[in-house]
Amino acid sequence: MIVGAAPVVATPMIQPVMVAQPVVQQ
């Protein structure tokens, strides 16, 4: 269950990180 839940929890956390990177660069 941990392996199946890992990508589900990582996906929403990666999205804001990728959106914040360009914002911080600008």
PDB file of N, CA and C in Angstrom:
ATOM      1  N   MET A   1       0.847  -1.209   0.000  1.00  0.00           N
ATOM      2  CA  MET A   1       0.000   0.000   0.000  1.00  0.00           C
ATOM      3  C   MET A   1       0.885   1.264   0.000  1.00  0.00           C
ATOM      4  N   ILE A   2       2.031   1.189   0.680  1.00  0.00           N
ATOM      5  CA  ILE A   2       2.907   2.367   0.748  1.00  0.00           C
ATOM      6  C   ILE A   2       3.414   2.716  -0.661  1.00  0.00           C
ATOM      7  N   VAL A   3       3.740   1.659  -1.429  1.00  0.00           N
ATOM      8  CA  VAL A   3       4.275   1.911  -2.791  1.00  0.00           C
ATOM      9  C   VAL A   3       3.191   2.519  -3.666  1.00  0.00           C
ATOM     10  N   GLY A   4       1.934   2.082  -3.477  1.00  0.00           N
ATOM     11  CA  GLY A   4       0.832   2.592  -4.303  1.00  0.00           C
ATOM     12  C   GLY A   4       0.443   4.006  -3.872  1.00  0.00           C
ATOM     13  N   ALA A   5       0.585   4.304  -2.591  1.00  0.00           N
ATOM     14  CA  ALA A   5       0.170   5.622  -2.090  1.00  0.00           C
ATOM     15  C   ALA A   5       1.280   6.656  -2.313  1.00  0.00           C
ATOM     16  N   ALA A   6       2.518   6.201  -2.457  1.00  0.00           N
ATOM     17  CA  ALA A   6       3.639   7.137  -2.627  1.00  0.00           C
ATOM     18  C   ALA A   6       3.443   8.031  -3.853  1.00  0.00           C
ATOM     19  N   PRO A   7       3.199   7.474  -5.029  1.00  0.00           N
ATOM     20  CA  PRO A   7       3.031   8.319  -6.234  1.00  0.00           C
ATOM     21  C   PRO A   7       1.805   9.222  -6.124  1.00  0.00           C
ATOM     22  N   VAL A   8       0.789   8.754  -5.434  1.00  0.00           N
ATOM     23  CA  VAL A   8      -0.441   9.561  -5.295  1.00  0.00           C
ATOM     24  C   VAL A   8      -0.163  10.789  -4.429  1.00  0.00           C
ATOM     25  N   VAL A   9       0.687  10.623  -3.412  1.00  0.00           N
ATOM     26  CA  VAL A   9       0.997  11.754  -2.517  1.00  0.00           C
ATOM     27  C   VAL A   9       2.092  12.625  -3.129  1.00  0.00           C
ATOM     28  N   ALA A  10       2.947  12.018  -3.936  1.00  0.00           N
ATOM     29  CA  ALA A  10       4.062  12.782  -4.535  1.00  0.00           C
ATOM     30  C   ALA A  10       3.583  13.633  -5.700  1.00  0.00           C
ATOM     31  N   THR A  11       2.576  13.147  -6.417  1.00  0.00           N
ATOM     32  CA  THR A  11       2.100  13.903  -7.594  1.00  0.00           C
ATOM     33  C   THR A  11       1.605  15.296  -7.204  1.00  0.00           C
ATOM     34  N   PRO A  12       0.707  15.428  -6.232  1.00  0.00           N
ATOM     35  CA  PRO A  12       0.209  16.757  -5.848  1.00  0.00           C
ATOM     36  C   PRO A  12       1.306  17.640  -5.250  1.00  0.00           C
ATOM     37  N   MET A  13       2.329  17.012  -4.676  1.00  0.00           N
ATOM     38  CA  MET A  13       3.407  17.819  -4.069  1.00  0.00           C
ATOM     39  C   MET A  13       4.395  18.278  -5.142  1.00  0.00           C
ATOM     40  N   ILE A  14       4.518  17.489  -6.223  1.00  0.00           N
ATOM     41  CA  ILE A  14       5.450  17.867  -7.305  1.00  0.00           C
ATOM     42  C   ILE A  14       4.856  18.999  -8.133  1.00  0.00           C
ATOM     43  N   GLN A  15       3.542  18.985  -8.332  1.00  0.00           N
ATOM     44  CA  GLN A  15       2.901  20.025  -9.154  1.00  0.00           C
ATOM     45  C   GLN A  15       3.193  21.428  -8.612  1.00  0.00           C
ATOM     46  N   PRO A  16       2.931  21.702  -7.349  1.00  0.00           N
ATOM     47  CA  PRO A  16       3.199  23.051  -6.808  1.00  0.00           C
ATOM     48  C   PRO A  16       4.678  23.388  -6.832  1.00  0.00           C
ATOM     49  N   VAL A  17       5.534  22.386  -6.727  1.00  0.00           N
ATOM     50  CA  VAL A  17       6.986  22.642  -6.742  1.00  0.00           C
ATOM     51  C   VAL A  17       7.415  23.100  -8.134  1.00  0.00           C
ATOM     52  N   MET A  18       6.862  22.448  -9.185  1.00  0.00           N
ATOM     53  CA  MET A  18       7.232  22.828 -10.554  1.00  0.00           C
ATOM     54  C   MET A  18       6.641  24.191 -10.892  1.00  0.00           C
ATOM     55  N   VAL A  19       5.528  24.533 -10.293  1.00  0.00           N
ATOM     56  CA  VAL A  19       4.896  25.830 -10.565  1.00  0.00           C
ATOM     57  C   VAL A  19       5.614  26.930  -9.784  1.00  0.00           C
ATOM     58  N   ALA A  20       6.208  26.575  -8.660  1.00  0.00           N
ATOM     59  CA  ALA A  20       6.870  27.582  -7.831  1.00  0.00           C
ATOM     60  C   ALA A  20       8.271  27.891  -8.380  1.00  0.00           C
ATOM     61  N   GLN A  21       8.911  26.928  -9.011  1.00  0.00           N
ATOM     62  CA  GLN A  21      10.261  27.150  -9.547  1.00  0.00           C
ATOM     63  C   GLN A  21      10.303  28.338 -10.514  1.00  0.00           C
ATOM     64  N   PRO A  22       9.453  28.354 -11.538  1.00  0.00           N
ATOM     65  CA  PRO A  22       9.485  29.484 -12.486  1.00  0.00           C
ATOM     66  C   PRO A  22       9.105  30.796 -11.811  1.00  0.00           C
ATOM     67  N   VAL A  23       8.271  30.732 -10.811  1.00  0.00           N
ATOM     68  CA  VAL A  23       7.855  31.949 -10.103  1.00  0.00           C
ATOM     69  C   VAL A  23       9.032  32.512  -9.306  1.00  0.00           C
ATOM     70  N   VAL A  24       9.840  31.625  -8.718  1.00  0.00           N
ATOM     71  CA  VAL A  24      10.981  32.078  -7.924  1.00  0.00           C
ATOM     72  C   VAL A  24      12.075  32.621  -8.849  1.00  0.00           C
ATOM     73  N   GLN A  25      12.237  31.964 -10.011  1.00  0.00           N
ATOM     74  CA  GLN A  25      13.256  32.435 -10.959  1.00  0.00           C
ATOM     75  C   GLN A  25      12.917  33.844 -11.444  1.00  0.00           C
ATOM     76  N   GLN A  26      11.659  34.073 -11.770  1.00  0.00           N
ATOM     77  CA  GLN A  26      11.261  35.388 -12.278  1.00  0.00           C
ATOM     78  C   GLN A  26      11.425  36.420 -11.169  1.00  0.00           C
TER      79      GLN A  26
END
